[in-house]
């Protein structure tokens, strides 16, 4: 692998296998693979799995539901958005009946 990071839970870790693939492990068994549609330049561990491109960072929770946080950099400003899973699920159910 190209890079290795730990979760806050010492039973979980991630390995960046290639610029487009990150594998997540729990209790030393592969849990899932993130197949990225961008080239990852690095990964970060902790409460979330951070995957960095040259332009932005996407954060996944260790359950891999999708991005939990999104950092956007536009010229000299930075914006941080938070995604609330419960609100998102309720809105999706409402929109799609």
PDB file of N, CA and C in Angstrom:
ATOM      1  N   UNK A   1       0.807  -1.189   0.000  1.00  0.00           N
ATOM      2  CA  UNK A   1       0.000   0.000   0.000  1.00  0.00           C
ATOM      3  C   UNK A   1       0.856   1.261   0.000  1.00  0.00           C
ATOM      4  N   UNK A   2       0.244   2.338  -0.416  1.00  0.00           N
ATOM      5  CA  UNK A   2       0.938   3.626  -0.488  1.00  0.00           C
ATOM      6  C   UNK A   2       0.929   4.370   0.834  1.00  0.00           C
ATOM      7  N   UNK A   3      -0.113   4.121   1.656  1.00  0.00           N
ATOM      8  CA  UNK A   3      -0.266   4.892   2.891  1.00  0.00           C
ATOM      9  C   UNK A   3      -1.179   4.129   3.846  1.00  0.00           C
ATOM     10  N   UNK A   4      -0.981   4.344   5.151  1.00  0.00           N
ATOM     11  CA  UNK A   4      -1.716   3.642   6.197  1.00  0.00           C
ATOM     12  C   UNK A   4      -2.131   4.652   7.258  1.00  0.00           C
ATOM     13  N   UNK A   5      -3.408   4.577   7.729  1.00  0.00           N
ATOM     14  CA  UNK A   5      -3.876   5.452   8.814  1.00  0.00           C
ATOM     15  C   UNK A   5      -4.800   4.669   9.746  1.00  0.00           C
ATOM     16  N   UNK A   6      -4.845   5.094  11.015  1.00  0.00           N
ATOM     17  CA  UNK A   6      -5.716   4.484  12.022  1.00  0.00           C
ATOM     18  C   UNK A   6      -6.977   5.308  12.210  1.00  0.00           C
ATOM     19  N   UNK A   7      -8.051   4.648  12.597  1.00  0.00           N
ATOM     20  CA  UNK A   7      -9.265   5.289  13.081  1.00  0.00           C
ATOM     21  C   UNK A   7      -9.042   5.655  14.546  1.00  0.00           C
ATOM     22  N   UNK A   8      -9.974   6.392  15.132  1.00  0.00           N
ATOM     23  CA  UNK A   8      -9.937   6.605  16.585  1.00  0.00           C
ATOM     24  C   UNK A   8     -10.135   5.288  17.317  1.00  0.00           C
ATOM     25  N   UNK A   9     -10.852   4.368  16.696  1.00  0.00           N
ATOM     26  CA  UNK A   9     -11.037   3.013  17.216  1.00  0.00           C
ATOM     27  C   UNK A   9      -9.834   2.198  16.740  1.00  0.00           C
ATOM     28  N   UNK A  10      -9.035   1.697  17.649  1.00  0.00           N
ATOM     29  CA  UNK A  10      -7.794   1.009  17.278  1.00  0.00           C
ATOM     30  C   UNK A  10      -8.029  -0.307  16.527  1.00  0.00           C
ATOM     31  N   UNK A  11      -9.282  -0.710  16.368  1.00  0.00           N
ATOM     32  CA  UNK A  11      -9.586  -1.909  15.589  1.00  0.00           C
ATOM     33  C   UNK A  11      -9.828  -1.605  14.117  1.00  0.00           C
ATOM     34  N   UNK A  12      -9.830  -0.325  13.737  1.00  0.00           N
ATOM     35  CA  UNK A  12     -10.113   0.063  12.360  1.00  0.00           C
ATOM     36  C   UNK A  12      -8.936   0.850  11.783  1.00  0.00           C
ATOM     37  N   UNK A  13      -8.636   0.577  10.519  1.00  0.00           N
ATOM     38  CA  UNK A  13      -7.589   1.309   9.829  1.00  0.00           C
ATOM     39  C   UNK A  13      -7.871   1.315   8.331  1.00  0.00           C
ATOM     40  N   UNK A  14      -7.160   2.161   7.600  1.00  0.00           N
ATOM     41  CA  UNK A  14      -7.335   2.269   6.152  1.00  0.00           C
ATOM     42  C   UNK A  14      -5.970   2.220   5.486  1.00  0.00           C
ATOM     43  N   UNK A  15      -5.958   1.676   4.270  1.00  0.00           N
ATOM     44  CA  UNK A  15      -4.756   1.619   3.457  1.00  0.00           C
ATOM     45  C   UNK A  15      -5.091   2.176   2.075  1.00  0.00           C
ATOM     46  N   UNK A  16      -4.295   3.141   1.626  1.00  0.00           N
ATOM     47  CA  UNK A  16      -4.443   3.648   0.256  1.00  0.00           C
ATOM     48  C   UNK A  16      -3.640   2.719  -0.632  1.00  0.00           C
ATOM     49  N   UNK A  17      -4.354   1.899  -1.399  1.00  0.00           N
ATOM     50  CA  UNK A  17      -3.727   0.891  -2.245  1.00  0.00           C
ATOM     51  C   UNK A  17      -3.191   1.488  -3.548  1.00  0.00           C
ATOM     52  N   UNK A  18      -3.912   2.472  -4.082  1.00  0.00           N
ATOM     53  CA  UNK A  18      -3.531   3.121  -5.337  1.00  0.00           C
ATOM     54  C   UNK A  18      -4.146   4.515  -5.322  1.00  0.00           C
ATOM     55  N   UNK A  19      -3.876   5.340  -6.321  1.00  0.00           N
ATOM     56  CA  UNK A  19      -4.487   6.673  -6.330  1.00  0.00           C
ATOM     57  C   UNK A  19      -6.018   6.662  -6.396  1.00  0.00           C
ATOM     58  N   UNK A  20      -6.622   5.542  -6.792  1.00  0.00           N
ATOM     59  CA  UNK A  20      -8.085   5.495  -6.899  1.00  0.00           C
ATOM     60  C   UNK A  20      -8.735   4.427  -6.012  1.00  0.00           C
ATOM     61  N   UNK A  21      -7.974   3.834  -5.091  1.00  0.00           N
ATOM     62  CA  UNK A  21      -8.541   2.782  -4.247  1.00  0.00           C
ATOM     63  C   UNK A  21      -8.022   2.876  -2.816  1.00  0.00           C
ATOM     64  N   UNK A  22      -8.974   2.917  -1.852  1.00  0.00           N
ATOM     65  CA  UNK A  22      -8.663   2.922  -0.425  1.00  0.00           C
ATOM     66  C   UNK A  22      -9.427   1.767   0.206  1.00  0.00           C
ATOM     67  N   UNK A  23      -8.733   0.897   0.932  1.00  0.00           N
ATOM     68  CA  UNK A  23      -9.391  -0.230   1.598  1.00  0.00           C
ATOM     69  C   UNK A  23      -9.513   0.057   3.088  1.00  0.00           C
ATOM     70  N   UNK A  24     -10.699  -0.258   3.640  1.00  0.00           N
ATOM     71  CA  UNK A  24     -10.962  -0.093   5.066  1.00  0.00           C
ATOM     72  C   UNK A  24     -10.997  -1.458   5.725  1.00  0.00           C
ATOM     73  N   UNK A  25     -10.397  -1.548   6.904  1.00  0.00           N
ATOM     74  CA  UNK A  25     -10.301  -2.805   7.635  1.00  0.00           C
ATOM     75  C   UNK A  25     -10.839  -2.634   9.049  1.00  0.00           C
ATOM     76  N   UNK A  26     -11.410  -3.714   9.584  1.00  0.00           N
ATOM     77  CA  UNK A  26     -11.831  -3.756  10.982  1.00  0.00           C
ATOM     78  C   UNK A  26     -11.428  -5.116  11.531  1.00  0.00           C
ATOM     79  N   UNK A  27     -10.784  -5.112  12.685  1.00  0.00           N
ATOM     80  CA  UNK A  27     -10.285  -6.346  13.303  1.00  0.00           C
ATOM     81  C   UNK A  27      -9.433  -7.160  12.328  1.00  0.00           C
ATOM     82  N   UNK A  28      -8.603  -6.455  11.554  1.00  0.00           N
ATOM     83  CA  UNK A  28      -7.654  -7.037  10.616  1.00  0.00           C
ATOM     84  C   UNK A  28      -8.319  -7.807   9.475  1.00  0.00           C
ATOM     85  N   UNK A  29      -9.593  -7.510   9.213  1.00  0.00           N
ATOM     86  CA  UNK A  29     -10.295  -8.090   8.071  1.00  0.00           C
ATOM     87  C   UNK A  29     -10.805  -6.963   7.191  1.00  0.00           C
ATOM     88  N   UNK A  30     -10.679  -7.144   5.876  1.00  0.00           N
ATOM     89  CA  UNK A  30     -11.143  -6.111   4.962  1.00  0.00           C
ATOM     90  C   UNK A  30     -12.645  -5.915   5.111  1.00  0.00           C
ATOM     91  N   UNK A  31     -13.048  -4.659   5.314  1.00  0.00           N
ATOM     92  CA  UNK A  31     -14.459  -4.317   5.491  1.00  0.00           C
ATOM     93  C   UNK A  31     -15.074  -3.860   4.174  1.00  0.00           C
ATOM     94  N   UNK A  32     -14.375  -2.971   3.476  1.00  0.00           N
ATOM     95  CA  UNK A  32     -14.887  -2.456   2.208  1.00  0.00           C
ATOM     96  C   UNK A  32     -13.764  -1.757   1.450  1.00  0.00           C
ATOM     97  N   UNK A  33     -14.040  -1.452   0.207  1.00  0.00           N
ATOM     98  CA  UNK A  33     -13.095  -0.724  -0.636  1.00  0.00           C
ATOM     99  C   UNK A  33     -13.766   0.524  -1.170  1.00  0.00           C
ATOM    100  N   UNK A  34     -13.102   1.657  -1.013  1.00  0.00           N
ATOM    101  CA  UNK A  34     -13.569   2.896  -1.622  1.00  0.00           C
ATOM    102  C   UNK A  34     -12.960   2.969  -3.015  1.00  0.00           C
ATOM    103  N   UNK A  35     -13.798   2.944  -4.042  1.00  0.00           N
ATOM    104  CA  UNK A  35     -13.325   3.110  -5.417  1.00  0.00           C
ATOM    105  C   UNK A  35     -13.592   4.557  -5.790  1.00  0.00           C
ATOM    106  N   UNK A  36     -12.543   5.334  -5.850  1.00  0.00           N
ATOM    107  CA  UNK A  36     -12.647   6.782  -6.001  1.00  0.00           C
ATOM    108  C   UNK A  36     -12.749   7.178  -7.464  1.00  0.00           C
ATOM    109  N   UNK A  37     -13.481   8.254  -7.727  1.00  0.00           N
ATOM    110  CA  UNK A  37     -13.570   8.787  -9.086  1.00  0.00           C
ATOM    111  C   UNK A  37     -12.618   9.974  -9.265  1.00  0.00           C
ATOM    112  N   UNK A  38     -11.615  10.057  -8.405  1.00  0.00           N
ATOM    113  CA  UNK A  38     -10.566  11.069  -8.485  1.00  0.00           C
ATOM    114  C   UNK A  38      -9.270  10.435  -7.986  1.00  0.00           C
ATOM    115  N   UNK A  39      -8.156  11.093  -8.235  1.00  0.00           N
ATOM    116  CA  UNK A  39      -6.867  10.586  -7.770  1.00  0.00           C
ATOM    117  C   UNK A  39      -6.578  11.100  -6.373  1.00  0.00           C
ATOM    118  N   UNK A  40      -6.455  10.187  -5.430  1.00  0.00           N
ATOM    119  CA  UNK A  40      -6.140  10.538  -4.046  1.00  0.00           C
ATOM    120  C   UNK A  40      -4.647  10.778  -3.916  1.00  0.00           C
ATOM    121  N   UNK A  41      -4.299  11.897  -3.295  1.00  0.00           N
ATOM    122  CA  UNK A  41      -2.900  12.207  -3.023  1.00  0.00           C
ATOM    123  C   UNK A  41      -2.507  11.819  -1.601  1.00  0.00           C
ATOM    124  N   UNK A  42      -3.513  11.553  -0.754  1.00  0.00           N
ATOM    125  CA  UNK A  42      -3.224  11.174   0.617  1.00  0.00           C
ATOM    126  C   UNK A  42      -4.489  10.816   1.362  1.00  0.00           C
ATOM    127  N   UNK A  43      -4.322  10.151   2.519  1.00  0.00           N
ATOM    128  CA  UNK A  43      -5.454   9.826   3.376  1.00  0.00           C
ATOM    129  C   UNK A  43      -5.130  10.238   4.807  1.00  0.00           C
ATOM    130  N   UNK A  44      -6.176  10.464   5.586  1.00  0.00           N
ATOM    131  CA  UNK A  44      -6.044  10.876   6.977  1.00  0.00           C
ATOM    132  C   UNK A  44      -6.967  10.018   7.820  1.00  0.00           C
ATOM    133  N   UNK A  45      -6.520   9.637   8.999  1.00  0.00           N
ATOM    134  CA  UNK A  45      -7.323   8.847   9.912  1.00  0.00           C
ATOM    135  C   UNK A  45      -7.918   9.704  11.001  1.00  0.00           C
ATOM    136  N   UNK A  46      -8.586   9.058  11.954  1.00  0.00           N
ATOM    137  CA  UNK A  46      -9.227   9.755  13.062  1.00  0.00           C
ATOM    138  C   UNK A  46     -10.682   9.372  13.140  1.00  0.00           C
ATOM    139  N   UNK A  47     -11.524  10.311  13.490  1.00  0.00           N
ATOM    140  CA  UNK A  47     -12.969  10.049  13.586  1.00  0.00           C
ATOM    141  C   UNK A  47     -13.571   9.725  12.229  1.00  0.00           C
ATOM    142  N   UNK A  48     -13.033  10.335  11.181  1.00  0.00           N
ATOM    143  CA  UNK A  48     -13.468  10.097   9.808  1.00  0.00           C
ATOM    144  C   UNK A  48     -12.259   9.714   8.970  1.00  0.00           C
ATOM    145  N   UNK A  49     -12.501   9.119   7.810  1.00  0.00           N
ATOM    146  CA  UNK A  49     -11.436   8.826   6.851  1.00  0.00           C
ATOM    147  C   UNK A  49     -11.387  10.003   5.884  1.00  0.00           C
ATOM    148  N   UNK A  50     -10.290  10.721   5.865  1.00  0.00           N
ATOM    149  CA  UNK A  50     -10.134  11.834   4.931  1.00  0.00           C
ATOM    150  C   UNK A  50      -9.367  11.372   3.710  1.00  0.00           C
ATOM    151  N   UNK A  51      -9.889  11.697   2.520  1.00  0.00           N
ATOM    152  CA  UNK A  51      -9.219  11.357   1.271  1.00  0.00           C
ATOM    153  C   UNK A  51      -8.969  12.669   0.531  1.00  0.00           C
ATOM    154  N   UNK A  52      -7.695  12.972   0.320  1.00  0.00           N
ATOM    155  CA  UNK A  52      -7.298  14.264  -0.240  1.00  0.00           C
ATOM    156  C   UNK A  52      -6.929  14.142  -1.707  1.00  0.00           C
ATOM    157  N   UNK A  53      -7.516  15.039  -2.517  1.00  0.00           N
ATOM    158  CA  UNK A  53      -7.080  15.186  -3.905  1.00  0.00           C
ATOM    159  C   UNK A  53      -6.207  16.432  -3.958  1.00  0.00           C
ATOM    160  N   UNK A  54      -5.839  16.860  -5.133  1.00  0.00           N
ATOM    161  CA  UNK A  54      -5.066  18.081  -5.263  1.00  0.00           C
ATOM    162  C   UNK A  54      -5.888  19.334  -5.015  1.00  0.00           C
ATOM    163  N   UNK A  55      -7.217  19.217  -5.061  1.00  0.00           N
ATOM    164  CA  UNK A  55      -8.113  20.369  -4.973  1.00  0.00           C
ATOM    165  C   UNK A  55      -8.993  20.378  -3.724  1.00  0.00           C
ATOM    166  N   UNK A  56      -9.285  19.227  -3.149  1.00  0.00           N
ATOM    167  CA  UNK A  56     -10.254  19.160  -2.056  1.00  0.00           C
ATOM    168  C   UNK A  56     -10.017  17.918  -1.209  1.00  0.00           C
ATOM    169  N   UNK A  57     -10.771  17.836  -0.115  1.00  0.00           N
ATOM    170  CA  UNK A  57     -10.745  16.669   0.762  1.00  0.00           C
ATOM    171  C   UNK A  57     -12.174  16.176   0.935  1.00  0.00           C
ATOM    172  N   UNK A  58     -12.383  14.887   0.806  1.00  0.00           N
ATOM    173  CA  UNK A  58     -13.683  14.264   1.057  1.00  0.00           C
ATOM    174  C   UNK A  58     -13.531  13.396   2.293  1.00  0.00           C
ATOM    175  N   UNK A  59     -14.480  13.529   3.227  1.00  0.00           N
ATOM    176  CA  UNK A  59     -14.443  12.739   4.455  1.00  0.00           C
ATOM    177  C   UNK A  59     -15.552  11.689   4.425  1.00  0.00           C
ATOM    178  N   UNK A  60     -15.198  10.464   4.753  1.00  0.00           N
ATOM    179  CA  UNK A  60     -16.136   9.349   4.859  1.00  0.00           C
ATOM    180  C   UNK A  60     -16.179   8.906   6.308  1.00  0.00           C
ATOM    181  N   UNK A  61     -17.348   8.441   6.758  1.00  0.00           N
ATOM    182  CA  UNK A  61     -17.348   7.817   8.077  1.00  0.00           C
ATOM    183  C   UNK A  61     -16.832   6.392   7.900  1.00  0.00           C
ATOM    184  N   UNK A  62     -16.479   5.740   8.972  1.00  0.00           N
ATOM    185  CA  UNK A  62     -15.891   4.409   8.882  1.00  0.00           C
ATOM    186  C   UNK A  62     -16.905   3.361   8.459  1.00  0.00           C
ATOM    187  N   UNK A  63     -18.192   3.730   8.427  1.00  0.00           N
ATOM    188  CA  UNK A  63     -19.225   2.824   7.915  1.00  0.00           C
ATOM    189  C   UNK A  63     -19.429   3.025   6.416  1.00  0.00           C
ATOM    190  N   UNK A  64     -18.761   4.011   5.855  1.00  0.00           N
ATOM    191  CA  UNK A  64     -18.744   4.321   4.431  1.00  0.00           C
ATOM    192  C   UNK A  64     -20.130   4.573   3.860  1.00  0.00           C
ATOM    193  N   UNK A  65     -20.849   5.467   4.490  1.00  0.00           N
ATOM    194  CA  UNK A  65     -22.145   5.864   3.948  1.00  0.00           C
ATOM    195  C   UNK A  65     -21.982   6.900   2.847  1.00  0.00           C
ATOM    196  N   UNK A  66     -20.896   7.584   2.784  1.00  0.00           N
ATOM    197  CA  UNK A  66     -20.551   8.620   1.797  1.00  0.00           C
ATOM    198  C   UNK A  66     -19.907   9.755   2.552  1.00  0.00           C
ATOM    199  N   UNK A  67     -19.755  10.857   1.897  1.00  0.00           N
ATOM    200  CA  UNK A  67     -19.071  11.979   2.532  1.00  0.00           C
ATOM    201  C   UNK A  67     -19.886  12.518   3.699  1.00  0.00           C
ATOM    202  N   UNK A  68     -19.238  12.704   4.838  1.00  0.00           N
ATOM    203  CA  UNK A  68     -19.881  13.292   6.000  1.00  0.00           C
ATOM    204  C   UNK A  68     -19.624  14.789   6.066  1.00  0.00           C
ATOM    205  N   UNK A  69     -18.449  15.179   5.684  1.00  0.00           N
ATOM    206  CA  UNK A  69     -18.067  16.588   5.665  1.00  0.00           C
ATOM    207  C   UNK A  69     -17.447  16.886   4.307  1.00  0.00           C
ATOM    208  N   UNK A  70     -17.576  18.104   3.870  1.00  0.00           N
ATOM    209  CA  UNK A  70     -16.949  18.517   2.630  1.00  0.00           C
ATOM    210  C   UNK A  70     -16.291  19.866   2.841  1.00  0.00           C
ATOM    211  N   UNK A  71     -15.022  19.951   2.546  1.00  0.00           N
ATOM    212  CA  UNK A  71     -14.293  21.223   2.620  1.00  0.00           C
ATOM    213  C   UNK A  71     -14.127  21.725   1.210  1.00  0.00           C
ATOM    214  N   UNK A  72     -14.508  22.966   0.971  1.00  0.00           N
ATOM    215  CA  UNK A  72     -14.377  23.549  -0.356  1.00  0.00           C
ATOM    216  C   UNK A  72     -13.468  24.762  -0.279  1.00  0.00           C
ATOM    217  N   UNK A  73     -12.534  24.834  -1.171  1.00  0.00           N
ATOM    218  CA  UNK A  73     -11.656  25.996  -1.231  1.00  0.00           C
ATOM    219  C   UNK A  73     -11.918  26.726  -2.535  1.00  0.00           C
ATOM    220  N   UNK A  74     -12.301  27.970  -2.451  1.00  0.00           N
ATOM    221  CA  UNK A  74     -12.561  28.785  -3.626  1.00  0.00           C
ATOM    222  C   UNK A  74     -11.667  30.008  -3.524  1.00  0.00           C
ATOM    223  N   UNK A  75     -10.678  30.084  -4.388  1.00  0.00           N
ATOM    224  CA  UNK A  75      -9.666  31.147  -4.366  1.00  0.00           C
ATOM    225  C   UNK A  75      -9.091  31.296  -2.962  1.00  0.00           C
ATOM    226  N   UNK A  76      -9.366  32.386  -2.277  1.00  0.00           N
ATOM    227  CA  UNK A  76      -8.748  32.598  -0.962  1.00  0.00           C
ATOM    228  C   UNK A  76      -9.667  32.248   0.199  1.00  0.00           C
ATOM    229  N   UNK A  77     -10.880  31.754  -0.088  1.00  0.00           N
ATOM    230  CA  UNK A  77     -11.839  31.436   0.981  1.00  0.00           C
ATOM    231  C   UNK A  77     -11.963  29.921   1.134  1.00  0.00           C
ATOM    232  N   UNK A  78     -12.340  29.483   2.342  1.00  0.00           N
ATOM    233  CA  UNK A  78     -12.599  28.077   2.590  1.00  0.00           C
ATOM    234  C   UNK A  78     -13.976  27.947   3.221  1.00  0.00           C
ATOM    235  N   UNK A  79     -14.740  26.966   2.773  1.00  0.00           N
ATOM    236  CA  UNK A  79     -16.072  26.703   3.301  1.00  0.00           C
ATOM    237  C   UNK A  79     -16.117  25.284   3.829  1.00  0.00           C
ATOM    238  N   UNK A  80     -16.792  25.082   4.935  1.00  0.00           N
ATOM    239  CA  UNK A  80     -16.961  23.747   5.497  1.00  0.00           C
ATOM    240  C   UNK A  80     -18.447  23.464   5.609  1.00  0.00           C
ATOM    241  N   UNK A  81     -18.875  22.373   5.000  1.00  0.00           N
ATOM    242  CA  UNK A  81     -20.278  21.966   5.052  1.00  0.00           C
ATOM    243  C   UNK A  81     -20.379  20.682   5.860  1.00  0.00           C
ATOM    244  N   UNK A  82     -21.441  20.524   6.627  1.00  0.00           N
ATOM    245  CA  UNK A  82     -21.682  19.322   7.421  1.00  0.00           C
ATOM    246  C   UNK A  82     -22.925  18.642   6.888  1.00  0.00           C
ATOM    247  N   UNK A  83     -22.857  17.339   6.717  1.00  0.00           N
ATOM    248  CA  UNK A  83     -24.001  16.572   6.245  1.00  0.00           C
ATOM    249  C   UNK A  83     -24.576  15.779   7.402  1.00  0.00           C
ATOM    250  N   UNK A  84     -25.830  16.021   7.717  1.00  0.00           N
ATOM    251  CA  UNK A  84     -26.522  15.319   8.787  1.00  0.00           C
ATOM    252  C   UNK A  84     -27.293  14.155   8.168  1.00  0.00           C
ATOM    253  N   UNK A  85     -26.887  12.915   8.487  1.00  0.00           N
ATOM    254  CA  UNK A  85     -27.480  11.730   7.850  1.00  0.00           C
ATOM    255  C   UNK A  85     -28.971  11.607   8.095  1.00  0.00           C
ATOM    256  N   UNK A  86     -29.433  11.902   9.299  1.00  0.00           N
ATOM    257  CA  UNK A  86     -30.850  11.760   9.616  1.00  0.00           C
ATOM    258  C   UNK A  86     -31.702  12.749   8.817  1.00  0.00           C
ATOM    259  N   UNK A  87     -31.255  13.992   8.750  1.00  0.00           N
ATOM    260  CA  UNK A  87     -31.983  15.009   7.990  1.00  0.00           C
ATOM    261  C   UNK A  87     -31.960  14.667   6.501  1.00  0.00           C
ATOM    262  N   UNK A  88     -30.809  14.226   6.014  1.00  0.00           N
ATOM    263  CA  UNK A  88     -30.698  13.849   4.599  1.00  0.00           C
ATOM    264  C   UNK A  88     -31.612  12.696   4.235  1.00  0.00           C
ATOM    265  N   UNK A  89     -31.688  11.682   5.094  1.00  0.00           N
ATOM    266  CA  UNK A  89     -32.561  10.535   4.836  1.00  0.00           C
ATOM    267  C   UNK A  89     -34.028  10.962   4.849  1.00  0.00           C
ATOM    268  N   UNK A  90     -34.399  11.809   5.806  1.00  0.00           N
ATOM    269  CA  UNK A  90     -35.782  12.285   5.881  1.00  0.00           C
ATOM    270  C   UNK A  90     -36.138  13.105   4.642  1.00  0.00           C
ATOM    271  N   UNK A  91     -35.242  13.963   4.193  1.00  0.00           N
ATOM    272  CA  UNK A  91     -35.493  14.770   2.996  1.00  0.00           C
ATOM    273  C   UNK A  91     -35.603  13.895   1.760  1.00  0.00           C
ATOM    274  N   UNK A  92     -34.755  12.888   1.671  1.00  0.00           N
ATOM    275  CA  UNK A  92     -34.803  11.976   0.514  1.00  0.00           C
ATOM    276  C   UNK A  92     -36.118  11.212   0.499  1.00  0.00           C
ATOM    277  N   UNK A  93     -36.559  10.719   1.660  1.00  0.00           N
ATOM    278  CA  UNK A  93     -37.831  10.004   1.737  1.00  0.00           C
ATOM    279  C   UNK A  93     -38.988  10.910   1.359  1.00  0.00           C
ATOM    280  N   UNK A  94     -38.947  12.164   1.805  1.00  0.00           N
ATOM    281  CA  UNK A  94     -40.009  13.118   1.506  1.00  0.00           C
ATOM    282  C   UNK A  94     -40.040  13.421   0.001  1.00  0.00           C
ATOM    283  N   UNK A  95     -38.854  13.613  -0.620  1.00  0.00           N
ATOM    284  CA  UNK A  95     -38.776  13.966  -2.035  1.00  0.00           C
ATOM    285  C   UNK A  95     -39.166  12.804  -2.931  1.00  0.00           C
ATOM    286  N   UNK A  96     -38.860  11.586  -2.516  1.00  0.00           N
ATOM    287  CA  UNK A  96     -39.097  10.426  -3.373  1.00  0.00           C
ATOM    288  C   UNK A  96     -40.312   9.616  -2.942  1.00  0.00           C
ATOM    289  N   UNK A  97     -41.079  10.190  -2.002  1.00  0.00           N
ATOM    290  CA  UNK A  97     -42.345   9.595  -1.579  1.00  0.00           C
ATOM    291  C   UNK A  97     -42.179   8.318  -0.877  1.00  0.00           C
TER     292      UNK A  97
END
